[in-house]
Amino acid sequence: MSPRSSDEAVKACEDRRYQAVLVADTQALGELLDESLVYTHSTGTVDGKASYLAAIAGGGLFYRKIERSEISLLVRDRTAFVFCRIAMDIVVGGTPKLLDNRMTSVWVPHQAGWRLLVAHSTPLR
């Protein structure tokens, strides 16, 4: 796989991931998440694949709007790193929140395509 095709494939996976969370499509999202996912939220809370999908499916985590900017991608040794600034309008446990964060996502190859292994969100304010 050429670096350029890897870049495009990872970008497409990132787009599908954010679209899936916006419509709470846990089936599509589940296909993009690695079984060993570690998702560190800006609060310090950590989810694995099952708990993250359960929070979305159960309505405990509801994404109303997501805007990404300052996106950069780096592919090294079959691992893809995506860095961006992300503004989110979410509801967590019934409490609305507006977030302005930096997000780091780490994607690894899988037989069915790229899978999200790590996501780490850091608040800017």
C-alpha atoms as a PDB file:
ATOM      1  CA  MET A   1       0.000   0.000   0.000  1.00  0.00           C
ATOM      2  CA  SER A   2       1.497   3.323  -1.044  1.00  0.00           C
ATOM      3  CA  PRO A   3       1.746   6.183   1.483  1.00  0.00           C
ATOM      4  CA  ARG A   4      -0.699   8.238  -0.605  1.00  0.00           C
ATOM      5  CA  SER A   5      -3.310   5.465  -0.687  1.00  0.00           C
ATOM      6  CA  SER A   6      -2.846   4.976   3.071  1.00  0.00           C
ATOM      7  CA  ASP A   7      -3.420   8.699   3.641  1.00  0.00           C
ATOM      8  CA  GLU A   8      -6.641   8.652   1.633  1.00  0.00           C
ATOM      9  CA  ALA A   9      -7.883   5.457   3.284  1.00  0.00           C
ATOM     10  CA  VAL A  10      -7.267   6.796   6.803  1.00  0.00           C
ATOM     11  CA  LYS A  11      -8.910  10.122   5.945  1.00  0.00           C
ATOM     12  CA  ALA A  12     -11.961   8.221   4.699  1.00  0.00           C
ATOM     13  CA  CYS A  13     -12.070   6.171   7.917  1.00  0.00           C
ATOM     14  CA  GLU A  14     -11.858   9.349  10.014  1.00  0.00           C
ATOM     15  CA  ASP A  15     -14.752  10.869   8.044  1.00  0.00           C
ATOM     16  CA  ARG A  16     -16.830   7.686   8.467  1.00  0.00           C
ATOM     17  CA  ARG A  17     -16.060   7.589  12.194  1.00  0.00           C
ATOM     18  CA  TYR A  18     -17.251  11.137  12.827  1.00  0.00           C
ATOM     19  CA  GLN A  19     -20.341  10.632  10.671  1.00  0.00           C
ATOM     20  CA  ALA A  20     -21.160   7.418  12.557  1.00  0.00           C
ATOM     21  CA  VAL A  21     -20.971   9.106  15.969  1.00  0.00           C
ATOM     22  CA  LEU A  22     -23.150  11.997  14.786  1.00  0.00           C
ATOM     23  CA  VAL A  23     -25.960   9.628  13.825  1.00  0.00           C
ATOM     24  CA  ALA A  24     -25.238   7.121  16.632  1.00  0.00           C
ATOM     25  CA  ASP A  25     -24.575   4.349  14.105  1.00  0.00           C
ATOM     26  CA  THR A  26     -22.838   1.956  16.465  1.00  0.00           C
ATOM     27  CA  GLN A  27     -22.694  -0.810  13.861  1.00  0.00           C
ATOM     28  CA  ALA A  28     -20.687   1.335  11.421  1.00  0.00           C
ATOM     29  CA  LEU A  29     -18.606   2.736  14.268  1.00  0.00           C
ATOM     30  CA  GLY A  30     -17.933  -0.719  15.658  1.00  0.00           C
ATOM     31  CA  GLU A  31     -16.487  -1.783  12.312  1.00  0.00           C
ATOM     32  CA  LEU A  32     -13.956   1.067  12.525  1.00  0.00           C
ATOM     33  CA  LEU A  33     -12.812   0.475  16.112  1.00  0.00           C
ATOM     34  CA  ASP A  34     -10.054  -1.940  17.026  1.00  0.00           C
ATOM     35  CA  GLU A  35     -10.949  -4.538  19.657  1.00  0.00           C
ATOM     36  CA  SER A  36      -8.187  -3.075  21.868  1.00  0.00           C
ATOM     37  CA  LEU A  37      -9.393   0.538  21.548  1.00  0.00           C
ATOM     38  CA  VAL A  38      -8.279   2.973  24.254  1.00  0.00           C
ATOM     39  CA  TYR A  39     -10.332   6.185  24.062  1.00  0.00           C
ATOM     40  CA  THR A  40      -9.192   8.822  26.549  1.00  0.00           C
ATOM     41  CA  HIS A  41     -11.767  11.604  26.806  1.00  0.00           C
ATOM     42  CA  SER A  42     -10.863  15.193  27.677  1.00  0.00           C
ATOM     43  CA  THR A  43     -12.132  14.560  31.217  1.00  0.00           C
ATOM     44  CA  GLY A  44      -9.596  11.775  31.709  1.00  0.00           C
ATOM     45  CA  THR A  45     -12.268   9.076  31.505  1.00  0.00           C
ATOM     46  CA  VAL A  46     -11.114   6.085  29.486  1.00  0.00           C
ATOM     47  CA  ASP A  47     -13.337   3.843  27.375  1.00  0.00           C
ATOM     48  CA  GLY A  48     -12.650   0.612  25.565  1.00  0.00           C
ATOM     49  CA  LYS A  49     -14.537  -0.417  22.463  1.00  0.00           C
ATOM     50  CA  ALA A  50     -17.478  -2.012  24.286  1.00  0.00           C
ATOM     51  CA  SER A  51     -17.984   0.802  26.801  1.00  0.00           C
ATOM     52  CA  TYR A  52     -17.667   3.539  24.158  1.00  0.00           C
ATOM     53  CA  LEU A  53     -20.221   1.874  21.898  1.00  0.00           C
ATOM     54  CA  ALA A  54     -22.532   1.244  24.864  1.00  0.00           C
ATOM     55  CA  ALA A  55     -22.387   4.921  25.896  1.00  0.00           C
ATOM     56  CA  ILE A  56     -23.396   5.993  22.389  1.00  0.00           C
ATOM     57  CA  ALA A  57     -26.056   3.300  21.972  1.00  0.00           C
ATOM     58  CA  GLY A  58     -27.553   4.027  25.393  1.00  0.00           C
ATOM     59  CA  GLY A  59     -27.669   7.790  24.906  1.00  0.00           C
ATOM     60  CA  GLY A  60     -25.184   8.541  27.693  1.00  0.00           C
ATOM     61  CA  LEU A  61     -22.949  10.127  25.076  1.00  0.00           C
ATOM     62  CA  PHE A  62     -24.702  12.051  22.324  1.00  0.00           C
ATOM     63  CA  TYR A  63     -22.840  14.051  19.676  1.00  0.00           C
ATOM     64  CA  ARG A  64     -24.871  16.969  18.296  1.00  0.00           C
ATOM     65  CA  LYS A  65     -22.191  18.682  16.219  1.00  0.00           C
ATOM     66  CA  ILE A  66     -18.537  18.095  15.351  1.00  0.00           C
ATOM     67  CA  GLU A  67     -16.251  20.459  13.474  1.00  0.00           C
ATOM     68  CA  ARG A  68     -12.644  19.507  12.733  1.00  0.00           C
ATOM     69  CA  SER A  69      -9.872  21.863  11.655  1.00  0.00           C
ATOM     70  CA  GLU A  70      -6.078  21.983  11.528  1.00  0.00           C
ATOM     71  CA  ILE A  71      -6.044  18.350  10.378  1.00  0.00           C
ATOM     72  CA  SER A  72      -2.717  16.665   9.741  1.00  0.00           C
ATOM     73  CA  LEU A  73      -1.892  13.043   9.070  1.00  0.00           C
ATOM     74  CA  LEU A  74       1.339  11.118   9.440  1.00  0.00           C
ATOM     75  CA  VAL A  75       1.796   7.493   8.366  1.00  0.00           C
ATOM     76  CA  ARG A  76       4.808   5.650   9.767  1.00  0.00           C
ATOM     77  CA  ASP A  77       5.569   1.949   9.774  1.00  0.00           C
ATOM     78  CA  ARG A  78       1.993   0.897   9.028  1.00  0.00           C
ATOM     79  CA  THR A  79       0.596   3.154  11.746  1.00  0.00           C
ATOM     80  CA  ALA A  80      -1.351   6.324  10.995  1.00  0.00           C
ATOM     81  CA  PHE A  81      -1.511   9.312  13.332  1.00  0.00           C
ATOM     82  CA  VAL A  82      -4.202  11.944  12.834  1.00  0.00           C
ATOM     83  CA  PHE A  83      -4.004  15.260  14.669  1.00  0.00           C
ATOM     84  CA  CYS A  84      -6.695  17.917  14.642  1.00  0.00           C
ATOM     85  CA  ARG A  85      -8.499  20.606  16.512  1.00  0.00           C
ATOM     86  CA  ILE A  86     -12.070  19.591  17.221  1.00  0.00           C
ATOM     87  CA  ALA A  87     -15.070  21.608  18.355  1.00  0.00           C
ATOM     88  CA  MET A  88     -17.922  19.493  19.651  1.00  0.00           C
ATOM     89  CA  ASP A  89     -21.423  20.082  20.911  1.00  0.00           C
ATOM     90  CA  ILE A  90     -22.195  16.988  22.954  1.00  0.00           C
ATOM     91  CA  VAL A  91     -24.454  15.752  25.726  1.00  0.00           C
ATOM     92  CA  VAL A  92     -22.807  13.605  28.390  1.00  0.00           C
ATOM     93  CA  GLY A  93     -25.074  11.963  30.946  1.00  0.00           C
ATOM     94  CA  GLY A  94     -27.785  14.507  30.144  1.00  0.00           C
ATOM     95  CA  THR A  95     -25.476  17.520  30.522  1.00  0.00           C
ATOM     96  CA  PRO A  96     -24.795  19.606  27.386  1.00  0.00           C
ATOM     97  CA  LYS A  97     -21.150  20.517  26.801  1.00  0.00           C
ATOM     98  CA  LEU A  98     -19.312  22.623  24.247  1.00  0.00           C
ATOM     99  CA  LEU A  99     -15.771  21.394  23.767  1.00  0.00           C
ATOM    100  CA  ASP A 100     -12.749  22.925  22.068  1.00  0.00           C
ATOM    101  CA  ASN A 101     -10.092  20.209  22.045  1.00  0.00           C
ATOM    102  CA  ARG A 102      -7.071  18.758  20.348  1.00  0.00           C
ATOM    103  CA  MET A 103      -7.593  15.180  19.195  1.00  0.00           C
ATOM    104  CA  THR A 104      -4.973  12.572  18.437  1.00  0.00           C
ATOM    105  CA  SER A 105      -6.142   9.396  16.727  1.00  0.00           C
ATOM    106  CA  VAL A 106      -3.986   6.360  16.014  1.00  0.00           C
ATOM    107  CA  TRP A 107      -5.048   3.977  13.261  1.00  0.00           C
ATOM    108  CA  VAL A 108      -3.596   0.530  12.558  1.00  0.00           C
ATOM    109  CA  PRO A 109      -4.080  -1.738   9.555  1.00  0.00           C
ATOM    110  CA  HIS A 110      -6.500  -4.629   9.823  1.00  0.00           C
ATOM    111  CA  GLN A 111      -7.445  -7.300   7.305  1.00  0.00           C
ATOM    112  CA  ALA A 112     -10.692  -5.423   6.592  1.00  0.00           C
ATOM    113  CA  GLY A 113      -9.081  -1.965   6.466  1.00  0.00           C
ATOM    114  CA  TRP A 114      -7.837   0.556   9.018  1.00  0.00           C
ATOM    115  CA  ARG A 115      -9.025   0.390  12.648  1.00  0.00           C
ATOM    116  CA  LEU A 116      -8.917   3.059  15.342  1.00  0.00           C
ATOM    117  CA  LEU A 117      -6.659   1.844  18.153  1.00  0.00           C
ATOM    118  CA  VAL A 118      -6.191   5.019  20.236  1.00  0.00           C
ATOM    119  CA  ALA A 119      -8.071   8.300  20.554  1.00  0.00           C
ATOM    120  CA  HIS A 120      -6.961  10.992  22.969  1.00  0.00           C
ATOM    121  CA  SER A 121      -8.769  14.287  23.463  1.00  0.00           C
ATOM    122  CA  THR A 122      -7.188  17.238  25.273  1.00  0.00           C
ATOM    123  CA  PRO A 123      -9.119  20.405  26.165  1.00  0.00           C
ATOM    124  CA  LEU A 124      -7.763  23.731  24.937  1.00  0.00           C
ATOM    125  CA  ARG A 125      -9.722  25.714  27.524  1.00  0.00           C
END
